[in-house]
Structure formats: C-alpha cells, structure tokens
Amino acid sequence: MNARRIIAALFVDLGEGREIKKGDRAGQIRWDRLPRARYECLLCGTSEVPDGRGPGDIARFVASIRTDHACGPLTEQRAA
C-alpha cells in the first residue's frame, strides 16, 4: 500500500456579500466581508496570500498557486 501525506494546505473563505437588486448598481455585489485565501506549504514552511483583495484576485490565486509556489517542482518530486 502506498503511503500518502499532506504537503500543503489551501484555505479559502468565500466572504459574505449581497447582490444589489435595484438602482444603477443592480447586479453588483456589496461585500460585507471580502473573500480571502491562504496557501501553506508544509515542505518549505512558507505561507502565501494573494496580492489583491477582490474576488477576481482570490480566484486567480487559487487557480495558480499550486504551480506558482516557489518549491513547486520540489513538491512533485518529494510527493512521489
């Protein structure tokens, strides 16, 4: 049986917002608490957060952090 271990953790808080229903901003989101994310690498001991704070910044961070992390190639070698 192959042993598995956790090498990184990605934490995502989707935030809290409400859609504006009327007026010139209808369809937009009014954020009470912005979304946020954090990536922790257990191999090198670092923690990374996105540069921006908006929902688009969080989405881009989540989509790319596993490949953009500094020890990415090392992570694949050590996990094998």
C-alpha atoms as a PDB file:
ATOM      1  CA  MET A   1       0.000   0.000   0.000  1.00  0.00           C
ATOM      2  CA  ASN A   2       1.294   3.467  -0.895  1.00  0.00           C
ATOM      3  CA  ALA A   3       1.635   5.926   1.961  1.00  0.00           C
ATOM      4  CA  ARG A   4       0.178   9.383   1.403  1.00  0.00           C
ATOM      5  CA  ARG A   5       0.976  12.563   3.223  1.00  0.00           C
ATOM      6  CA  ILE A   6      -0.267  16.115   3.200  1.00  0.00           C
ATOM      7  CA  ILE A   7       2.311  18.508   1.774  1.00  0.00           C
ATOM      8  CA  ALA A   8       0.267  21.736   1.517  1.00  0.00           C
ATOM      9  CA  ALA A   9      -2.995  23.326   2.604  1.00  0.00           C
ATOM     10  CA  LEU A  10      -5.157  25.851   0.760  1.00  0.00           C
ATOM     11  CA  PHE A  11      -7.600  27.821   2.908  1.00  0.00           C
ATOM     12  CA  VAL A  12     -10.385  29.767   1.177  1.00  0.00           C
ATOM     13  CA  ASP A  13     -13.004  31.982   2.845  1.00  0.00           C
ATOM     14  CA  LEU A  14     -15.659  32.871   0.279  1.00  0.00           C
ATOM     15  CA  GLY A  15     -16.596  36.066   2.091  1.00  0.00           C
ATOM     16  CA  GLU A  16     -20.059  37.453   2.605  1.00  0.00           C
ATOM     17  CA  GLY A  17     -21.837  39.684   0.147  1.00  0.00           C
ATOM     18  CA  ARG A  18     -25.259  40.613  -1.105  1.00  0.00           C
ATOM     19  CA  GLU A  19     -26.411  41.341  -4.625  1.00  0.00           C
ATOM     20  CA  ILE A  20     -27.755  44.844  -5.173  1.00  0.00           C
ATOM     21  CA  LYS A  21     -31.249  44.425  -6.626  1.00  0.00           C
ATOM     22  CA  LYS A  22     -32.235  47.978  -7.651  1.00  0.00           C
ATOM     23  CA  GLY A  23     -30.715  51.170  -8.941  1.00  0.00           C
ATOM     24  CA  ASP A  24     -27.742  51.898 -11.143  1.00  0.00           C
ATOM     25  CA  ARG A  25     -25.611  49.255  -9.356  1.00  0.00           C
ATOM     26  CA  ALA A  26     -28.140  46.421  -9.819  1.00  0.00           C
ATOM     27  CA  GLY A  27     -26.442  43.049 -10.226  1.00  0.00           C
ATOM     28  CA  GLN A  28     -23.270  44.094  -8.419  1.00  0.00           C
ATOM     29  CA  ILE A  29     -22.176  42.582  -5.096  1.00  0.00           C
ATOM     30  CA  ARG A  30     -21.894  44.666  -1.921  1.00  0.00           C
ATOM     31  CA  TRP A  31     -19.295  42.881   0.189  1.00  0.00           C
ATOM     32  CA  ASP A  32     -19.708  42.828   3.981  1.00  0.00           C
ATOM     33  CA  ARG A  33     -16.609  40.607   4.267  1.00  0.00           C
ATOM     34  CA  LEU A  34     -14.289  40.217   1.260  1.00  0.00           C
ATOM     35  CA  PRO A  35     -13.171  36.763   0.128  1.00  0.00           C
ATOM     36  CA  ARG A  36      -9.686  35.721   1.214  1.00  0.00           C
ATOM     37  CA  ALA A  37      -7.265  32.844   0.739  1.00  0.00           C
ATOM     38  CA  ARG A  38      -4.014  31.482   2.191  1.00  0.00           C
ATOM     39  CA  TYR A  39      -1.678  28.720   0.943  1.00  0.00           C
ATOM     40  CA  GLU A  40       0.617  26.965   3.433  1.00  0.00           C
ATOM     41  CA  CYS A  41       3.408  24.711   2.185  1.00  0.00           C
ATOM     42  CA  LEU A  42       4.351  22.121   4.777  1.00  0.00           C
ATOM     43  CA  LEU A  43       7.556  21.177   2.937  1.00  0.00           C
ATOM     44  CA  CYS A  44       9.257  24.578   2.994  1.00  0.00           C
ATOM     45  CA  GLY A  45       7.202  26.082   5.844  1.00  0.00           C
ATOM     46  CA  THR A  46       6.017  29.187   3.998  1.00  0.00           C
ATOM     47  CA  SER A  47       2.620  30.802   3.832  1.00  0.00           C
ATOM     48  CA  GLU A  48       1.405  32.838   0.826  1.00  0.00           C
ATOM     49  CA  VAL A  49      -1.570  35.140   0.342  1.00  0.00           C
ATOM     50  CA  PRO A  50      -2.796  36.837  -2.855  1.00  0.00           C
ATOM     51  CA  ASP A  51      -1.569  40.328  -3.757  1.00  0.00           C
ATOM     52  CA  GLY A  52      -5.062  41.786  -4.143  1.00  0.00           C
ATOM     53  CA  ARG A  53      -8.205  41.580  -2.055  1.00  0.00           C
ATOM     54  CA  GLY A  54     -11.025  41.372  -4.582  1.00  0.00           C
ATOM     55  CA  PRO A  55     -12.888  38.243  -5.673  1.00  0.00           C
ATOM     56  CA  GLY A  56     -11.026  38.182  -9.006  1.00  0.00           C
ATOM     57  CA  ASP A  57      -7.648  38.283  -7.242  1.00  0.00           C
ATOM     58  CA  ILE A  58      -8.667  35.393  -4.982  1.00  0.00           C
ATOM     59  CA  ALA A  59      -9.901  33.315  -7.935  1.00  0.00           C
ATOM     60  CA  ARG A  60      -6.632  33.830  -9.852  1.00  0.00           C
ATOM     61  CA  PHE A  61      -4.584  32.982  -6.734  1.00  0.00           C
ATOM     62  CA  VAL A  62      -6.492  29.746  -6.083  1.00  0.00           C
ATOM     63  CA  ALA A  63      -6.239  28.702  -9.741  1.00  0.00           C
ATOM     64  CA  SER A  64      -2.463  29.179  -9.964  1.00  0.00           C
ATOM     65  CA  ILE A  65      -0.852  28.856  -6.519  1.00  0.00           C
ATOM     66  CA  ARG A  66      -0.049  25.137  -6.744  1.00  0.00           C
ATOM     67  CA  THR A  67       2.101  25.679  -9.832  1.00  0.00           C
ATOM     68  CA  ASP A  68       3.407  29.161  -8.952  1.00  0.00           C
ATOM     69  CA  HIS A  69       4.660  28.287  -5.459  1.00  0.00           C
ATOM     70  CA  ALA A  70       8.441  28.569  -5.113  1.00  0.00           C
ATOM     71  CA  CYS A  71       9.074  24.903  -4.280  1.00  0.00           C
ATOM     72  CA  GLY A  72       6.515  23.605  -6.846  1.00  0.00           C
ATOM     73  CA  PRO A  73       8.888  21.289  -8.753  1.00  0.00           C
ATOM     74  CA  LEU A  74      10.333  20.044  -5.450  1.00  0.00           C
ATOM     75  CA  THR A  75       6.823  19.334  -4.186  1.00  0.00           C
ATOM     76  CA  GLU A  76       6.144  16.970  -7.086  1.00  0.00           C
ATOM     77  CA  GLN A  77       9.455  15.139  -6.576  1.00  0.00           C
ATOM     78  CA  ARG A  78       9.068  14.745  -2.807  1.00  0.00           C
ATOM     79  CA  ALA A  79       5.434  13.631  -3.038  1.00  0.00           C
ATOM     80  CA  ALA A  80       6.322  10.738  -5.334  1.00  0.00           C
END
